[in-house]
Amino acid sequence: MEYVYLICLLVAIGMMVWLKLYDVRNSVSQYLSLTTIIISCFAYYFLAISRTLEEALFAQIIAYVGCVFLPIFYFFIVLEICHLEIKKVVKVCLVLCQCCVLGGIVNVLR
């Protein structure tokens, strides 16, 4: 099963390289979401190859980064596609709320 996660990680890294080379819009939300996907894929791969409980818990904490931040970054991408803009302060507040959610999850797992 770890090979599937490794392939997904390599595909995500390839997508990031393609986005950097050929994307003319330079969408920050797309870069952030793809970076979060790469982090999550790495975490799932690390979870699949972990041998101890500590390694598995660490990998699970990293995997939660994707679960927490991907929905908000996708929301920002949808706003860009629809040509809707929200203030930067609102975006920062939403991301900070997600950081608090991640902090709560990590605090529970420790």
N, C-alpha and C. Protein backbone atom coordinates (compact mmCIF):
# COMPACT_ATOMS: atom_id res chain seq x y z
N MET A 1 0.81 -1.19 0.00
CA MET A 1 0.00 0.00 0.00
C MET A 1 0.86 1.27 0.00
N GLU A 2 2.05 1.14 0.55
CA GLU A 2 2.90 2.34 0.61
C GLU A 2 3.31 2.82 -0.77
N TYR A 3 3.30 1.92 -1.75
CA TYR A 3 3.66 2.32 -3.11
C TYR A 3 2.61 3.26 -3.71
N VAL A 4 1.36 3.03 -3.36
CA VAL A 4 0.29 3.92 -3.84
C VAL A 4 0.49 5.32 -3.29
N TYR A 5 0.80 5.41 -2.00
CA TYR A 5 1.05 6.72 -1.39
C TYR A 5 2.28 7.40 -1.99
N LEU A 6 3.30 6.61 -2.28
CA LEU A 6 4.50 7.16 -2.90
C LEU A 6 4.20 7.69 -4.30
N ILE A 7 3.41 6.96 -5.06
CA ILE A 7 3.03 7.42 -6.40
C ILE A 7 2.21 8.70 -6.31
N CYS A 8 1.28 8.76 -5.37
CA CYS A 8 0.49 9.98 -5.19
C CYS A 8 1.38 11.16 -4.81
N LEU A 9 2.37 10.92 -3.97
CA LEU A 9 3.30 11.98 -3.58
C LEU A 9 4.09 12.47 -4.79
N LEU A 10 4.58 11.55 -5.60
CA LEU A 10 5.36 11.94 -6.78
C LEU A 10 4.49 12.67 -7.80
N VAL A 11 3.25 12.26 -7.96
CA VAL A 11 2.34 12.96 -8.87
C VAL A 11 2.07 14.37 -8.37
N ALA A 12 1.87 14.52 -7.07
CA ALA A 12 1.63 15.86 -6.51
C ALA A 12 2.85 16.76 -6.68
N ILE A 13 4.04 16.20 -6.49
CA ILE A 13 5.25 17.00 -6.70
C ILE A 13 5.38 17.38 -8.16
N GLY A 14 5.06 16.45 -9.06
CA GLY A 14 5.07 16.76 -10.49
C GLY A 14 4.07 17.85 -10.85
N MET A 15 2.91 17.82 -10.22
CA MET A 15 1.91 18.86 -10.47
C MET A 15 2.41 20.22 -9.99
N MET A 16 3.12 20.23 -8.87
CA MET A 16 3.66 21.49 -8.37
C MET A 16 4.72 22.05 -9.32
N VAL A 17 5.57 21.18 -9.83
CA VAL A 17 6.59 21.61 -10.79
C VAL A 17 5.91 22.15 -12.05
N TRP A 18 4.89 21.44 -12.54
CA TRP A 18 4.16 21.90 -13.73
C TRP A 18 3.50 23.24 -13.47
N LEU A 19 2.92 23.40 -12.29
CA LEU A 19 2.25 24.66 -11.95
C LEU A 19 3.26 25.81 -11.90
N LYS A 20 4.43 25.55 -11.35
CA LYS A 20 5.47 26.59 -11.29
C LYS A 20 5.97 26.97 -12.68
N LEU A 21 6.10 25.99 -13.57
CA LEU A 21 6.67 26.25 -14.89
C LEU A 21 5.67 26.85 -15.88
N TYR A 22 4.42 26.39 -15.85
CA TYR A 22 3.51 26.73 -16.93
C TYR A 22 2.29 27.55 -16.53
N ASP A 23 2.07 27.80 -15.27
CA ASP A 23 0.90 28.56 -14.87
C ASP A 23 1.18 30.05 -15.00
N VAL A 24 0.31 30.74 -15.70
CA VAL A 24 0.52 32.18 -15.91
C VAL A 24 -0.21 33.02 -14.86
N ARG A 25 -1.15 32.43 -14.15
CA ARG A 25 -1.91 33.19 -13.16
C ARG A 25 -1.17 33.37 -11.85
N ASN A 26 -0.30 32.45 -11.51
CA ASN A 26 0.43 32.47 -10.25
C ASN A 26 -0.52 32.62 -9.06
N SER A 27 -1.47 31.73 -8.98
CA SER A 27 -2.48 31.76 -7.92
C SER A 27 -1.87 31.27 -6.61
N VAL A 28 -1.89 32.12 -5.61
CA VAL A 28 -1.35 31.77 -4.30
C VAL A 28 -2.18 30.64 -3.69
N SER A 29 -3.48 30.69 -3.86
CA SER A 29 -4.35 29.65 -3.30
C SER A 29 -4.05 28.28 -3.90
N GLN A 30 -3.76 28.24 -5.19
CA GLN A 30 -3.41 26.97 -5.81
C GLN A 30 -2.08 26.45 -5.29
N TYR A 31 -1.12 27.33 -5.12
CA TYR A 31 0.17 26.91 -4.57
C TYR A 31 0.01 26.38 -3.14
N LEU A 32 -0.78 27.09 -2.34
CA LEU A 32 -0.98 26.66 -0.96
C LEU A 32 -1.71 25.33 -0.88
N SER A 33 -2.73 25.16 -1.72
CA SER A 33 -3.47 23.89 -1.67
C SER A 33 -2.60 22.74 -2.16
N LEU A 34 -1.82 22.96 -3.20
CA LEU A 34 -0.95 21.90 -3.70
C LEU A 34 0.17 21.58 -2.70
N THR A 35 0.68 22.59 -2.03
CA THR A 35 1.67 22.35 -0.98
C THR A 35 1.08 21.53 0.16
N THR A 36 -0.16 21.85 0.52
CA THR A 36 -0.83 21.09 1.57
C THR A 36 -1.08 19.65 1.13
N ILE A 37 -1.41 19.46 -0.14
CA ILE A 37 -1.61 18.10 -0.66
C ILE A 37 -0.30 17.32 -0.60
N ILE A 38 0.81 17.97 -0.96
CA ILE A 38 2.12 17.30 -0.91
C ILE A 38 2.46 16.92 0.53
N ILE A 39 2.20 17.81 1.47
CA ILE A 39 2.46 17.50 2.89
C ILE A 39 1.60 16.33 3.34
N SER A 40 0.34 16.32 2.94
CA SER A 40 -0.55 15.22 3.33
C SER A 40 -0.12 13.90 2.70
N CYS A 41 0.25 13.93 1.43
CA CYS A 41 0.71 12.70 0.78
C CYS A 41 1.96 12.16 1.44
N PHE A 42 2.88 13.06 1.79
CA PHE A 42 4.08 12.63 2.50
C PHE A 42 3.71 12.01 3.84
N ALA A 43 2.75 12.63 4.54
CA ALA A 43 2.35 12.11 5.85
C ALA A 43 1.71 10.72 5.72
N TYR A 44 0.86 10.54 4.71
CA TYR A 44 0.24 9.23 4.53
C TYR A 44 1.28 8.18 4.13
N TYR A 45 2.26 8.57 3.33
CA TYR A 45 3.33 7.63 2.98
C TYR A 45 4.14 7.28 4.23
N PHE A 46 4.46 8.29 5.02
CA PHE A 46 5.22 8.05 6.25
C PHE A 46 4.41 7.19 7.21
N LEU A 47 3.09 7.40 7.24
CA LEU A 47 2.23 6.58 8.09
C LEU A 47 2.23 5.12 7.63
N ALA A 48 2.26 4.92 6.32
CA ALA A 48 2.25 3.55 5.79
C ALA A 48 3.55 2.81 6.07
N ILE A 49 4.66 3.53 6.13
CA ILE A 49 5.94 2.84 6.35
C ILE A 49 6.40 2.92 7.80
N SER A 50 5.62 3.55 8.67
CA SER A 50 6.05 3.68 10.07
C SER A 50 6.07 2.32 10.76
N ARG A 51 7.03 2.16 11.64
CA ARG A 51 7.22 0.89 12.33
C ARG A 51 6.86 0.97 13.82
N THR A 52 6.85 2.19 14.37
CA THR A 52 6.54 2.33 15.79
C THR A 52 5.30 3.20 15.95
N LEU A 53 4.74 3.17 17.12
CA LEU A 53 3.55 3.95 17.42
C LEU A 53 3.85 5.45 17.38
N GLU A 54 5.02 5.84 17.85
CA GLU A 54 5.39 7.26 17.85
C GLU A 54 5.49 7.80 16.42
N GLU A 55 6.08 7.01 15.53
CA GLU A 55 6.17 7.43 14.13
C GLU A 55 4.78 7.55 13.51
N ALA A 56 3.91 6.61 13.82
CA ALA A 56 2.56 6.64 13.27
C ALA A 56 1.78 7.84 13.79
N LEU A 57 1.91 8.16 15.06
CA LEU A 57 1.21 9.32 15.61
C LEU A 57 1.74 10.62 15.03
N PHE A 58 3.05 10.70 14.85
CA PHE A 58 3.64 11.90 14.24
C PHE A 58 3.14 12.07 12.81
N ALA A 59 3.09 10.98 12.07
CA ALA A 59 2.61 11.04 10.69
C ALA A 59 1.13 11.42 10.65
N GLN A 60 0.36 10.95 11.60
CA GLN A 60 -1.06 11.28 11.65
C GLN A 60 -1.27 12.77 11.95
N ILE A 61 -0.45 13.33 12.81
CA ILE A 61 -0.54 14.77 13.11
C ILE A 61 -0.24 15.58 11.85
N ILE A 62 0.77 15.16 11.10
CA ILE A 62 1.09 15.87 9.85
C ILE A 62 -0.03 15.69 8.83
N ALA A 63 -0.66 14.52 8.81
CA ALA A 63 -1.77 14.29 7.88
C ALA A 63 -2.96 15.18 8.19
N TYR A 64 -3.14 15.54 9.44
CA TYR A 64 -4.24 16.42 9.81
C TYR A 64 -4.07 17.83 9.24
N VAL A 65 -2.86 18.20 8.87
CA VAL A 65 -2.65 19.51 8.25
C VAL A 65 -3.49 19.62 6.98
N GLY A 66 -3.48 18.57 6.18
CA GLY A 66 -4.29 18.57 4.96
C GLY A 66 -5.77 18.58 5.25
N CYS A 67 -6.18 17.82 6.24
CA CYS A 67 -7.60 17.77 6.59
C CYS A 67 -8.12 19.12 7.06
N VAL A 68 -7.27 19.89 7.69
CA VAL A 68 -7.69 21.17 8.25
C VAL A 68 -7.61 22.29 7.21
N PHE A 69 -6.52 22.34 6.46
CA PHE A 69 -6.30 23.50 5.58
C PHE A 69 -6.83 23.34 4.16
N LEU A 70 -6.98 22.13 3.66
CA LEU A 70 -7.44 21.97 2.28
C LEU A 70 -8.82 22.57 2.02
N PRO A 71 -9.80 22.39 2.90
CA PRO A 71 -11.11 23.00 2.59
C PRO A 71 -11.06 24.51 2.45
N ILE A 72 -10.32 25.18 3.29
CA ILE A 72 -10.27 26.65 3.21
C ILE A 72 -9.51 27.09 1.97
N PHE A 73 -8.46 26.38 1.59
CA PHE A 73 -7.73 26.74 0.37
C PHE A 73 -8.58 26.46 -0.87
N TYR A 74 -9.35 25.38 -0.85
CA TYR A 74 -10.28 25.13 -1.96
C TYR A 74 -11.34 26.22 -2.05
N PHE A 75 -11.80 26.68 -0.91
CA PHE A 75 -12.76 27.78 -0.88
C PHE A 75 -12.17 29.02 -1.53
N PHE A 76 -10.90 29.31 -1.23
CA PHE A 76 -10.25 30.47 -1.84
C PHE A 76 -10.11 30.28 -3.36
N ILE A 77 -9.84 29.06 -3.81
CA ILE A 77 -9.74 28.79 -5.25
C ILE A 77 -11.09 28.99 -5.93
N VAL A 78 -12.16 28.52 -5.29
CA VAL A 78 -13.49 28.72 -5.86
C VAL A 78 -13.82 30.21 -5.96
N LEU A 79 -13.44 30.96 -4.96
CA LEU A 79 -13.65 32.41 -5.02
C LEU A 79 -12.89 33.03 -6.18
N GLU A 80 -11.65 32.56 -6.43
CA GLU A 80 -10.88 33.08 -7.56
C GLU A 80 -11.52 32.72 -8.89
N ILE A 81 -12.01 31.51 -9.00
CA ILE A 81 -12.64 31.07 -10.25
C ILE A 81 -13.90 31.88 -10.53
N CYS A 82 -14.66 32.18 -9.47
CA CYS A 82 -15.90 32.95 -9.63
C CYS A 82 -15.65 34.46 -9.69
N HIS A 83 -14.40 34.86 -9.64
CA HIS A 83 -14.02 36.27 -9.66
C HIS A 83 -14.66 37.05 -8.51
N LEU A 84 -14.73 36.42 -7.36
CA LEU A 84 -15.20 37.07 -6.15
C LEU A 84 -14.00 37.35 -5.26
N GLU A 85 -14.00 38.50 -4.65
CA GLU A 85 -12.87 38.85 -3.78
C GLU A 85 -13.38 39.10 -2.37
N ILE A 86 -12.62 38.60 -1.43
CA ILE A 86 -12.87 38.95 -0.04
C ILE A 86 -11.62 39.65 0.47
N LYS A 87 -11.80 40.42 1.51
CA LYS A 87 -10.68 41.21 2.03
C LYS A 87 -9.61 40.29 2.59
N LYS A 88 -8.39 40.79 2.53
CA LYS A 88 -7.26 40.01 3.01
C LYS A 88 -7.39 39.73 4.51
N VAL A 89 -7.99 40.66 5.24
CA VAL A 89 -8.17 40.47 6.67
C VAL A 89 -9.08 39.28 6.94
N VAL A 90 -10.11 39.12 6.13
CA VAL A 90 -11.02 37.99 6.29
C VAL A 90 -10.29 36.69 5.99
N LYS A 91 -9.47 36.68 4.94
CA LYS A 91 -8.70 35.48 4.61
C LYS A 91 -7.76 35.11 5.75
N VAL A 92 -7.09 36.11 6.29
CA VAL A 92 -6.15 35.84 7.40
C VAL A 92 -6.91 35.32 8.61
N CYS A 93 -8.07 35.89 8.90
CA CYS A 93 -8.86 35.41 10.03
C CYS A 93 -9.32 33.97 9.83
N LEU A 94 -9.73 33.63 8.61
CA LEU A 94 -10.14 32.25 8.33
C LEU A 94 -8.98 31.27 8.49
N VAL A 95 -7.81 31.65 8.00
CA VAL A 95 -6.64 30.78 8.14
C VAL A 95 -6.23 30.67 9.60
N LEU A 96 -6.33 31.75 10.34
CA LEU A 96 -6.01 31.69 11.78
C LEU A 96 -7.00 30.80 12.53
N CYS A 97 -8.26 30.83 12.14
CA CYS A 97 -9.25 29.91 12.74
C CYS A 97 -8.86 28.47 12.46
N GLN A 98 -8.42 28.20 11.24
CA GLN A 98 -7.99 26.85 10.89
C GLN A 98 -6.75 26.46 11.70
N CYS A 99 -5.86 27.42 11.93
CA CYS A 99 -4.68 27.14 12.77
C CYS A 99 -5.10 26.77 14.18
N CYS A 100 -6.12 27.45 14.70
CA CYS A 100 -6.62 27.11 16.04
C CYS A 100 -7.22 25.71 16.06
N VAL A 101 -7.94 25.34 15.01
CA VAL A 101 -8.50 23.99 14.91
C VAL A 101 -7.36 22.96 14.88
N LEU A 102 -6.33 23.22 14.08
CA LEU A 102 -5.19 22.31 14.03
C LEU A 102 -4.50 22.22 15.39
N GLY A 103 -4.34 23.35 16.05
CA GLY A 103 -3.74 23.34 17.38
C GLY A 103 -4.54 22.51 18.36
N GLY A 104 -5.86 22.61 18.27
CA GLY A 104 -6.70 21.79 19.15
C GLY A 104 -6.57 20.31 18.86
N ILE A 105 -6.48 19.96 17.58
CA ILE A 105 -6.32 18.54 17.22
C ILE A 105 -4.98 18.01 17.71
N VAL A 106 -3.93 18.80 17.49
CA VAL A 106 -2.60 18.36 17.92
C VAL A 106 -2.54 18.25 19.44
N ASN A 107 -3.20 19.18 20.12
CA ASN A 107 -3.21 19.15 21.58
C ASN A 107 -3.92 17.90 22.11
N VAL A 108 -4.98 17.49 21.45
CA VAL A 108 -5.70 16.29 21.86
C VAL A 108 -4.86 15.04 21.61
N LEU A 109 -4.14 15.01 20.50
CA LEU A 109 -3.34 13.83 20.16
C LEU A 109 -2.09 13.69 21.02
N ARG A 110 -1.64 14.73 21.61
CA ARG A 110 -0.44 14.63 22.44
C ARG A 110 -0.83 14.18 23.77
